[in-house]
């Protein structure tokens, strides 16, 4: 359900994009949602 974008600068990775892919839930696959959510 959640997809993240990271970029590396000087060996350090940081998130620059958060994407919640709601359309993926139409399959009915419960594993698309991470357990903590």
ModelCIF file with pLDDT and N, C-alpha, C, O atoms, coordinates in Angstrom:
data_MODEL
#
_entry.id   MODEL 
#
_entity.id                         1 
_entity.type                       polymer 
_entity.pdbx_number_of_molecules   1 
#
_entity_poly.entity_id                      1 
_entity_poly.type                           'polypeptide(L)' 
_entity_poly.nstd_linkage                   no 
_entity_poly.nstd_monomer                   no 
_entity_poly.pdbx_seq_one_letter_code       
;(UNK)(UNK)(UNK)(UNK)(UNK)(UNK)(UNK)(UNK)(UNK)(UNK)(UNK)(UNK)(UNK)(UNK)(UNK)(UNK)
(UNK)(UNK)(UNK)(UNK)(UNK)(UNK)(UNK)(UNK)(UNK)(UNK)(UNK)(UNK)(UNK)(UNK)(UNK)(UNK)
(UNK)(UNK)(UNK)(UNK)(UNK)
;
_entity_poly.pdbx_seq_one_letter_code_can   XXXXXXXXXXXXXXXXXXXXXXXXXXXXXXXXXXXXX 
_entity_poly.pdbx_strand_id                 A 
#
loop_
_entity_poly_seq.entity_id 
_entity_poly_seq.num 
_entity_poly_seq.mon_id 
_entity_poly_seq.hetero 
1 1  UNK n 
1 2  UNK n 
1 3  UNK n 
1 4  UNK n 
1 5  UNK n 
1 6  UNK n 
1 7  UNK n 
1 8  UNK n 
1 9  UNK n 
1 10 UNK n 
1 11 UNK n 
1 12 UNK n 
1 13 UNK n 
1 14 UNK n 
1 15 UNK n 
1 16 UNK n 
1 17 UNK n 
1 18 UNK n 
1 19 UNK n 
1 20 UNK n 
1 21 UNK n 
1 22 UNK n 
1 23 UNK n 
1 24 UNK n 
1 25 UNK n 
1 26 UNK n 
1 27 UNK n 
1 28 UNK n 
1 29 UNK n 
1 30 UNK n 
1 31 UNK n 
1 32 UNK n 
1 33 UNK n 
1 34 UNK n 
1 35 UNK n 
1 36 UNK n 
1 37 UNK n 
#
_struct_asym.id          A 
_struct_asym.entity_id   1 
#
loop_
_ma_qa_metric.id 
_ma_qa_metric.mode 
_ma_qa_metric.name 
_ma_qa_metric.software_group_id 
_ma_qa_metric.type 
1 global pLDDT . pLDDT 
2 local  pLDDT . pLDDT 
#
_ma_qa_metric_global.metric_id      1 
_ma_qa_metric_global.metric_value   94.51 
_ma_qa_metric_global.model_id       1 
_ma_qa_metric_global.ordinal_id     1 
#
loop_
_ma_qa_metric_local.label_asym_id 
_ma_qa_metric_local.label_comp_id 
_ma_qa_metric_local.label_seq_id 
_ma_qa_metric_local.metric_id 
_ma_qa_metric_local.metric_value 
_ma_qa_metric_local.model_id 
_ma_qa_metric_local.ordinal_id 
A UNK 1  2 98.00 1 1  
A UNK 2  2 98.00 1 2  
A UNK 3  2 98.00 1 3  
A UNK 4  2 98.00 1 4  
A UNK 5  2 97.00 1 5  
A UNK 6  2 97.00 1 6  
A UNK 7  2 96.00 1 7  
A UNK 8  2 96.00 1 8  
A UNK 9  2 94.00 1 9  
A UNK 10 2 94.00 1 10 
A UNK 11 2 92.00 1 11 
A UNK 12 2 96.00 1 12 
A UNK 13 2 97.00 1 13 
A UNK 14 2 96.00 1 14 
A UNK 15 2 97.00 1 15 
A UNK 16 2 96.00 1 16 
A UNK 17 2 96.00 1 17 
A UNK 18 2 97.00 1 18 
A UNK 19 2 97.00 1 19 
A UNK 20 2 98.00 1 20 
A UNK 21 2 97.00 1 21 
A UNK 22 2 97.00 1 22 
A UNK 23 2 94.00 1 23 
A UNK 24 2 95.00 1 24 
A UNK 25 2 95.00 1 25 
A UNK 26 2 89.00 1 26 
A UNK 27 2 84.00 1 27 
A UNK 28 2 81.00 1 28 
A UNK 29 2 84.00 1 29 
A UNK 30 2 81.00 1 30 
A UNK 31 2 90.00 1 31 
A UNK 32 2 95.00 1 32 
A UNK 33 2 97.00 1 33 
A UNK 34 2 97.00 1 34 
A UNK 35 2 97.00 1 35 
A UNK 36 2 98.00 1 36 
A UNK 37 2 98.00 1 37 
#
loop_
_atom_site.group_PDB 
_atom_site.id 
_atom_site.type_symbol 
_atom_site.label_atom_id 
_atom_site.label_alt_id 
_atom_site.label_comp_id 
_atom_site.label_asym_id 
_atom_site.label_entity_id 
_atom_site.label_seq_id 
_atom_site.pdbx_PDB_ins_code 
_atom_site.Cartn_x 
_atom_site.Cartn_y 
_atom_site.Cartn_z 
_atom_site.occupancy 
_atom_site.B_iso_or_equiv 
_atom_site.pdbx_formal_charge 
_atom_site.auth_seq_id 
_atom_site.auth_comp_id 
_atom_site.auth_asym_id 
_atom_site.auth_atom_id 
_atom_site.pdbx_PDB_model_num 
ATOM 1   N N  . UNK A 1 1  ? 0.824  -1.203 0.000  1.00 98.00 ? 1  UNK A N  1 
ATOM 2   C CA . UNK A 1 1  ? 0.000  0.000  0.000  1.00 98.00 ? 1  UNK A CA 1 
ATOM 3   C C  . UNK A 1 1  ? 0.862  1.259  0.000  1.00 98.00 ? 1  UNK A C  1 
ATOM 4   O O  . UNK A 1 1  ? 0.518  2.245  -0.653 1.00 98.00 ? 1  UNK A O  1 
ATOM 5   N N  . UNK A 1 2  ? 1.956  1.235  0.711  1.00 98.00 ? 2  UNK A N  1 
ATOM 6   C CA . UNK A 1 2  ? 2.831  2.403  0.843  1.00 98.00 ? 2  UNK A CA 1 
ATOM 7   C C  . UNK A 1 2  ? 4.105  2.166  0.058  1.00 98.00 ? 2  UNK A C  1 
ATOM 8   O O  . UNK A 1 2  ? 4.757  1.131  0.191  1.00 98.00 ? 2  UNK A O  1 
ATOM 9   N N  . UNK A 1 3  ? 4.448  3.152  -0.767 1.00 98.00 ? 3  UNK A N  1 
ATOM 10  C CA . UNK A 1 3  ? 5.676  3.098  -1.545 1.00 98.00 ? 3  UNK A CA 1 
ATOM 11  C C  . UNK A 1 3  ? 6.473  4.362  -1.239 1.00 98.00 ? 3  UNK A C  1 
ATOM 12  O O  . UNK A 1 3  ? 5.913  5.457  -1.184 1.00 98.00 ? 3  UNK A O  1 
ATOM 13  N N  . UNK A 1 4  ? 7.769  4.210  -1.042 1.00 98.00 ? 4  UNK A N  1 
ATOM 14  C CA . UNK A 1 4  ? 8.625  5.316  -0.623 1.00 98.00 ? 4  UNK A CA 1 
ATOM 15  C C  . UNK A 1 4  ? 9.748  5.533  -1.619 1.00 98.00 ? 4  UNK A C  1 
ATOM 16  O O  . UNK A 1 4  ? 10.210 4.591  -2.264 1.00 98.00 ? 4  UNK A O  1 
ATOM 17  N N  . UNK A 1 5  ? 10.183 6.775  -1.742 1.00 97.00 ? 5  UNK A N  1 
ATOM 18  C CA . UNK A 1 5  ? 11.322 7.118  -2.593 1.00 97.00 ? 5  UNK A CA 1 
ATOM 19  C C  . UNK A 1 5  ? 12.417 7.702  -1.711 1.00 97.00 ? 5  UNK A C  1 
ATOM 20  O O  . UNK A 1 5  ? 12.171 8.581  -0.885 1.00 97.00 ? 5  UNK A O  1 
ATOM 21  N N  . UNK A 1 6  ? 13.636 7.193  -1.905 1.00 97.00 ? 6  UNK A N  1 
ATOM 22  C CA . UNK A 1 6  ? 14.793 7.646  -1.136 1.00 97.00 ? 6  UNK A CA 1 
ATOM 23  C C  . UNK A 1 6  ? 15.881 8.110  -2.080 1.00 97.00 ? 6  UNK A C  1 
ATOM 24  O O  . UNK A 1 6  ? 15.977 7.660  -3.222 1.00 97.00 ? 6  UNK A O  1 
ATOM 25  N N  . UNK A 1 7  ? 16.707 9.028  -1.573 1.00 96.00 ? 7  UNK A N  1 
ATOM 26  C CA . UNK A 1 7  ? 17.865 9.502  -2.305 1.00 96.00 ? 7  UNK A CA 1 
ATOM 27  C C  . UNK A 1 7  ? 19.061 9.443  -1.365 1.00 96.00 ? 7  UNK A C  1 
ATOM 28  O O  . UNK A 1 7  ? 18.946 9.725  -0.172 1.00 96.00 ? 7  UNK A O  1 
ATOM 29  N N  . UNK A 1 8  ? 20.222 9.069  -1.926 1.00 96.00 ? 8  UNK A N  1 
ATOM 30  C CA . UNK A 1 8  ? 21.440 8.965  -1.128 1.00 96.00 ? 8  UNK A CA 1 
ATOM 31  C C  . UNK A 1 8  ? 22.324 10.192 -1.353 1.00 96.00 ? 8  UNK A C  1 
ATOM 32  O O  . UNK A 1 8  ? 22.580 10.594 -2.488 1.00 96.00 ? 8  UNK A O  1 
ATOM 33  N N  . UNK A 1 9  ? 22.781 10.774 -0.250 1.00 94.00 ? 9  UNK A N  1 
ATOM 34  C CA . UNK A 1 9  ? 23.750 11.875 -0.287 1.00 94.00 ? 9  UNK A CA 1 
ATOM 35  C C  . UNK A 1 9  ? 24.839 11.549 0.714  1.00 94.00 ? 9  UNK A C  1 
ATOM 36  O O  . UNK A 1 9  ? 24.563 11.409 1.906  1.00 94.00 ? 9  UNK A O  1 
ATOM 37  N N  . UNK A 1 10 ? 26.064 11.426 0.254  1.00 94.00 ? 10 UNK A N  1 
ATOM 38  C CA . UNK A 1 10 ? 27.210 11.154 1.122  1.00 94.00 ? 10 UNK A CA 1 
ATOM 39  C C  . UNK A 1 10 ? 26.988 9.940  2.009  1.00 94.00 ? 10 UNK A C  1 
ATOM 40  O O  . UNK A 1 10 ? 27.327 9.958  3.192  1.00 94.00 ? 10 UNK A O  1 
ATOM 41  N N  . UNK A 1 11 ? 26.415 8.879  1.432  1.00 92.00 ? 11 UNK A N  1 
ATOM 42  C CA . UNK A 1 11 ? 26.214 7.637  2.165  1.00 92.00 ? 11 UNK A CA 1 
ATOM 43  C C  . UNK A 1 11 ? 24.992 7.608  3.068  1.00 92.00 ? 11 UNK A C  1 
ATOM 44  O O  . UNK A 1 11 ? 24.755 6.613  3.752  1.00 92.00 ? 11 UNK A O  1 
ATOM 45  N N  . UNK A 1 12 ? 24.212 8.684  3.080  1.00 96.00 ? 12 UNK A N  1 
ATOM 46  C CA . UNK A 1 12 ? 23.024 8.759  3.926  1.00 96.00 ? 12 UNK A CA 1 
ATOM 47  C C  . UNK A 1 12 ? 21.785 8.784  3.033  1.00 96.00 ? 12 UNK A C  1 
ATOM 48  O O  . UNK A 1 12 ? 21.668 9.597  2.117  1.00 96.00 ? 12 UNK A O  1 
ATOM 49  N N  . UNK A 1 13 ? 20.862 7.862  3.331  1.00 97.00 ? 13 UNK A N  1 
ATOM 50  C CA . UNK A 1 13 ? 19.614 7.793  2.570  1.00 97.00 ? 13 UNK A CA 1 
ATOM 51  C C  . UNK A 1 13 ? 18.533 8.567  3.301  1.00 97.00 ? 13 UNK A C  1 
ATOM 52  O O  . UNK A 1 13 ? 18.411 8.469  4.522  1.00 97.00 ? 13 UNK A O  1 
ATOM 53  N N  . UNK A 1 14 ? 17.745 9.340  2.554  1.00 96.00 ? 14 UNK A N  1 
ATOM 54  C CA . UNK A 1 14 ? 16.600 10.026 3.168  1.00 96.00 ? 14 UNK A CA 1 
ATOM 55  C C  . UNK A 1 14 ? 15.404 9.976  2.214  1.00 96.00 ? 14 UNK A C  1 
ATOM 56  O O  . UNK A 1 14 ? 15.550 9.982  0.991  1.00 96.00 ? 14 UNK A O  1 
ATOM 57  N N  . UNK A 1 15 ? 14.236 9.927  2.815  1.00 97.00 ? 15 UNK A N  1 
ATOM 58  C CA . UNK A 1 15 ? 12.989 9.818  2.069  1.00 97.00 ? 15 UNK A CA 1 
ATOM 59  C C  . UNK A 1 15 ? 12.637 11.168 1.440  1.00 97.00 ? 15 UNK A C  1 
ATOM 60  O O  . UNK A 1 15 ? 12.666 12.204 2.105  1.00 97.00 ? 15 UNK A O  1 
ATOM 61  N N  . UNK A 1 16 ? 12.308 11.135 0.157  1.00 96.00 ? 16 UNK A N  1 
ATOM 62  C CA . UNK A 1 16 ? 11.850 12.363 -0.490 1.00 96.00 ? 16 UNK A CA 1 
ATOM 63  C C  . UNK A 1 16 ? 10.467 12.208 -1.113 1.00 96.00 ? 16 UNK A C  1 
ATOM 64  O O  . UNK A 1 16 ? 9.949  13.158 -1.701 1.00 96.00 ? 16 UNK A O  1 
ATOM 65  N N  . UNK A 1 17 ? 9.863  11.034 -0.994 1.00 96.00 ? 17 UNK A N  1 
ATOM 66  C CA . UNK A 1 17 ? 8.532  10.846 -1.542 1.00 96.00 ? 17 UNK A CA 1 
ATOM 67  C C  . UNK A 1 17 ? 7.765  9.750  -0.841 1.00 96.00 ? 17 UNK A C  1 
ATOM 68  O O  . UNK A 1 17 ? 8.299  8.672  -0.578 1.00 96.00 ? 17 UNK A O  1 
ATOM 69  N N  . UNK A 1 18 ? 6.505  10.030 -0.539 1.00 97.00 ? 18 UNK A N  1 
ATOM 70  C CA . UNK A 1 18 ? 5.602  9.054  0.078  1.00 97.00 ? 18 UNK A CA 1 
ATOM 71  C C  . UNK A 1 18 ? 4.422  8.899  -0.870 1.00 97.00 ? 18 UNK A C  1 
ATOM 72  O O  . UNK A 1 18 ? 3.790  9.880  -1.262 1.00 97.00 ? 18 UNK A O  1 
ATOM 73  N N  . UNK A 1 19 ? 4.137  7.665  -1.229 1.00 97.00 ? 19 UNK A N  1 
ATOM 74  C CA . UNK A 1 19 ? 3.032  7.401  -2.136 1.00 97.00 ? 19 UNK A CA 1 
ATOM 75  C C  . UNK A 1 19 ? 2.176  6.278  -1.563 1.00 97.00 ? 19 UNK A C  1 
ATOM 76  O O  . UNK A 1 19 ? 2.666  5.178  -1.309 1.00 97.00 ? 19 UNK A O  1 
ATOM 77  N N  . UNK A 1 20 ? 0.899  6.566  -1.362 1.00 98.00 ? 20 UNK A N  1 
ATOM 78  C CA . UNK A 1 20 ? -0.034 5.563  -0.868 1.00 98.00 ? 20 UNK A CA 1 
ATOM 79  C C  . UNK A 1 20 ? -0.837 5.080  -2.084 1.00 98.00 ? 20 UNK A C  1 
ATOM 80  O O  . UNK A 1 20 ? -1.680 5.804  -2.613 1.00 98.00 ? 20 UNK A O  1 
ATOM 81  N N  . UNK A 1 21 ? -0.562 3.865  -2.506 1.00 97.00 ? 21 UNK A N  1 
ATOM 82  C CA . UNK A 1 21 ? -1.113 3.294  -3.740 1.00 97.00 ? 21 UNK A CA 1 
ATOM 83  C C  . UNK A 1 21 ? -2.448 2.599  -3.453 1.00 97.00 ? 21 UNK A C  1 
ATOM 84  O O  . UNK A 1 21 ? -2.524 1.371  -3.415 1.00 97.00 ? 21 UNK A O  1 
ATOM 85  N N  . UNK A 1 22 ? -3.493 3.399  -3.254 1.00 97.00 ? 22 UNK A N  1 
ATOM 86  C CA . UNK A 1 22 ? -4.809 2.905  -2.863 1.00 97.00 ? 22 UNK A CA 1 
ATOM 87  C C  . UNK A 1 22 ? -5.349 1.892  -3.878 1.00 97.00 ? 22 UNK A C  1 
ATOM 88  O O  . UNK A 1 22 ? -6.007 0.925  -3.492 1.00 97.00 ? 22 UNK A O  1 
ATOM 89  N N  . UNK A 1 23 ? -5.081 2.102  -5.153 1.00 94.00 ? 23 UNK A N  1 
ATOM 90  C CA . UNK A 1 23 ? -5.606 1.224  -6.198 1.00 94.00 ? 23 UNK A CA 1 
ATOM 91  C C  . UNK A 1 23 ? -5.165 -0.225 -6.025 1.00 94.00 ? 23 UNK A C  1 
ATOM 92  O O  . UNK A 1 23 ? -5.830 -1.127 -6.535 1.00 94.00 ? 23 UNK A O  1 
ATOM 93  N N  . UNK A 1 24 ? -4.080 -0.468 -5.333 1.00 95.00 ? 24 UNK A N  1 
ATOM 94  C CA . UNK A 1 24 ? -3.597 -1.841 -5.128 1.00 95.00 ? 24 UNK A CA 1 
ATOM 95  C C  . UNK A 1 24 ? -4.533 -2.659 -4.237 1.00 95.00 ? 24 UNK A C  1 
ATOM 96  O O  . UNK A 1 24 ? -4.477 -3.889 -4.247 1.00 95.00 ? 24 UNK A O  1 
ATOM 97  N N  . UNK A 1 25 ? -5.385 -1.992 -3.475 1.00 95.00 ? 25 UNK A N  1 
ATOM 98  C CA . UNK A 1 25 ? -6.294 -2.702 -2.576 1.00 95.00 ? 25 UNK A CA 1 
ATOM 99  C C  . UNK A 1 25 ? -7.464 -3.348 -3.313 1.00 95.00 ? 25 UNK A C  1 
ATOM 100 O O  . UNK A 1 25 ? -8.143 -4.208 -2.751 1.00 95.00 ? 25 UNK A O  1 
ATOM 101 N N  . UNK A 1 26 ? -7.710 -2.953 -4.548 1.00 89.00 ? 26 UNK A N  1 
ATOM 102 C CA . UNK A 1 26 ? -8.828 -3.528 -5.307 1.00 89.00 ? 26 UNK A CA 1 
ATOM 103 C C  . UNK A 1 26 ? -8.681 -5.027 -5.511 1.00 89.00 ? 26 UNK A C  1 
ATOM 104 O O  . UNK A 1 26 ? -9.677 -5.711 -5.748 1.00 89.00 ? 26 UNK A O  1 
ATOM 105 N N  . UNK A 1 27 ? -7.476 -5.551 -5.428 1.00 84.00 ? 27 UNK A N  1 
ATOM 106 C CA . UNK A 1 27 ? -7.269 -6.984 -5.606 1.00 84.00 ? 27 UNK A CA 1 
ATOM 107 C C  . UNK A 1 27 ? -7.819 -7.794 -4.439 1.00 84.00 ? 27 UNK A C  1 
ATOM 108 O O  . UNK A 1 27 ? -8.026 -9.002 -4.555 1.00 84.00 ? 27 UNK A O  1 
ATOM 109 N N  . UNK A 1 28 ? -8.056 -7.119 -3.307 1.00 81.00 ? 28 UNK A N  1 
ATOM 110 C CA . UNK A 1 28 ? -8.538 -7.822 -2.126 1.00 81.00 ? 28 UNK A CA 1 
ATOM 111 C C  . UNK A 1 28 ? -7.442 -8.539 -1.365 1.00 81.00 ? 28 UNK A C  1 
ATOM 112 O O  . UNK A 1 28 ? -7.728 -9.280 -0.425 1.00 81.00 ? 28 UNK A O  1 
ATOM 113 N N  . UNK A 1 29 ? -6.195 -8.335 -1.753 1.00 84.00 ? 29 UNK A N  1 
ATOM 114 C CA . UNK A 1 29 ? -5.058 -8.982 -1.104 1.00 84.00 ? 29 UNK A CA 1 
ATOM 115 C C  . UNK A 1 29 ? -4.718 -8.234 0.193  1.00 84.00 ? 29 UNK A C  1 
ATOM 116 O O  . UNK A 1 29 ? -4.137 -7.149 0.159  1.00 84.00 ? 29 UNK A O  1 
ATOM 117 N N  . UNK A 1 30 ? -5.084 -8.824 1.321  1.00 81.00 ? 30 UNK A N  1 
ATOM 118 C CA . UNK A 1 30 ? -4.868 -8.174 2.624  1.00 81.00 ? 30 UNK A CA 1 
ATOM 119 C C  . UNK A 1 30 ? -3.394 -7.939 2.918  1.00 81.00 ? 30 UNK A C  1 
ATOM 120 O O  . UNK A 1 30 ? -3.064 -7.068 3.723  1.00 81.00 ? 30 UNK A O  1 
ATOM 121 N N  . UNK A 1 31 ? -2.497 -8.696 2.285  1.00 90.00 ? 31 UNK A N  1 
ATOM 122 C CA . UNK A 1 31 ? -1.066 -8.519 2.542  1.00 90.00 ? 31 UNK A CA 1 
ATOM 123 C C  . UNK A 1 31 ? -0.540 -7.206 1.973  1.00 90.00 ? 31 UNK A C  1 
ATOM 124 O O  . UNK A 1 31 ? 0.602  -6.840 2.251  1.00 90.00 ? 31 UNK A O  1 
ATOM 125 N N  . UNK A 1 32 ? -1.331 -6.492 1.191  1.00 95.00 ? 32 UNK A N  1 
ATOM 126 C CA . UNK A 1 32 ? -0.922 -5.176 0.664  1.00 95.00 ? 32 UNK A CA 1 
ATOM 127 C C  . UNK A 1 32 ? -0.794 -4.147 1.785  1.00 95.00 ? 32 UNK A C  1 
ATOM 128 O O  . UNK A 1 32 ? -0.071 -3.162 1.637  1.00 95.00 ? 32 UNK A O  1 
ATOM 129 N N  . UNK A 1 33 ? -1.485 -4.363 2.897  1.00 97.00 ? 33 UNK A N  1 
ATOM 130 C CA . UNK A 1 33 ? -1.463 -3.410 4.008  1.00 97.00 ? 33 UNK A CA 1 
ATOM 131 C C  . UNK A 1 33 ? -0.478 -3.907 5.063  1.00 97.00 ? 33 UNK A C  1 
ATOM 132 O O  . UNK A 1 33 ? -0.668 -4.986 5.624  1.00 97.00 ? 33 UNK A O  1 
ATOM 133 N N  . UNK A 1 34 ? 0.571  -3.134 5.339  1.00 97.00 ? 34 UNK A N  1 
ATOM 134 C CA . UNK A 1 34 ? 1.529  -3.549 6.366  1.00 97.00 ? 34 UNK A CA 1 
ATOM 135 C C  . UNK A 1 34 ? 0.824  -3.752 7.718  1.00 97.00 ? 34 UNK A C  1 
ATOM 136 O O  . UNK A 1 34 ? -0.036 -2.953 8.088  1.00 97.00 ? 34 UNK A O  1 
ATOM 137 N N  . UNK A 1 35 ? 1.183  -4.817 8.457  1.00 97.00 ? 35 UNK A N  1 
ATOM 138 C CA . UNK A 1 35 ? 0.539  -5.090 9.746  1.00 97.00 ? 35 UNK A CA 1 
ATOM 139 C C  . UNK A 1 35 ? 0.487  -3.907 10.711 1.00 97.00 ? 35 UNK A C  1 
ATOM 140 O O  . UNK A 1 35 ? -0.530 -3.740 11.385 1.00 97.00 ? 35 UNK A O  1 
ATOM 141 N N  . UNK A 1 36 ? 1.538  -3.070 10.815 1.00 98.00 ? 36 UNK A N  1 
ATOM 142 C CA . UNK A 1 36 ? 1.413  -1.934 11.735 1.00 98.00 ? 36 UNK A CA 1 
ATOM 143 C C  . UNK A 1 36 ? 0.262  -0.981 11.362 1.00 98.00 ? 36 UNK A C  1 
ATOM 144 O O  . UNK A 1 36 ? -0.346 -0.375 12.245 1.00 98.00 ? 36 UNK A O  1 
ATOM 145 N N  . UNK A 1 37 ? -0.039 -0.846 10.061 1.00 98.00 ? 37 UNK A N  1 
ATOM 146 C CA . UNK A 1 37 ? -1.176 -0.010 9.650  1.00 98.00 ? 37 UNK A CA 1 
ATOM 147 C C  . UNK A 1 37 ? -2.496 -0.676 10.020 1.00 98.00 ? 37 UNK A C  1 
ATOM 148 O O  . UNK A 1 37 ? -3.563 -0.122 9.754  1.00 98.00 ? 37 UNK A O  1 
#
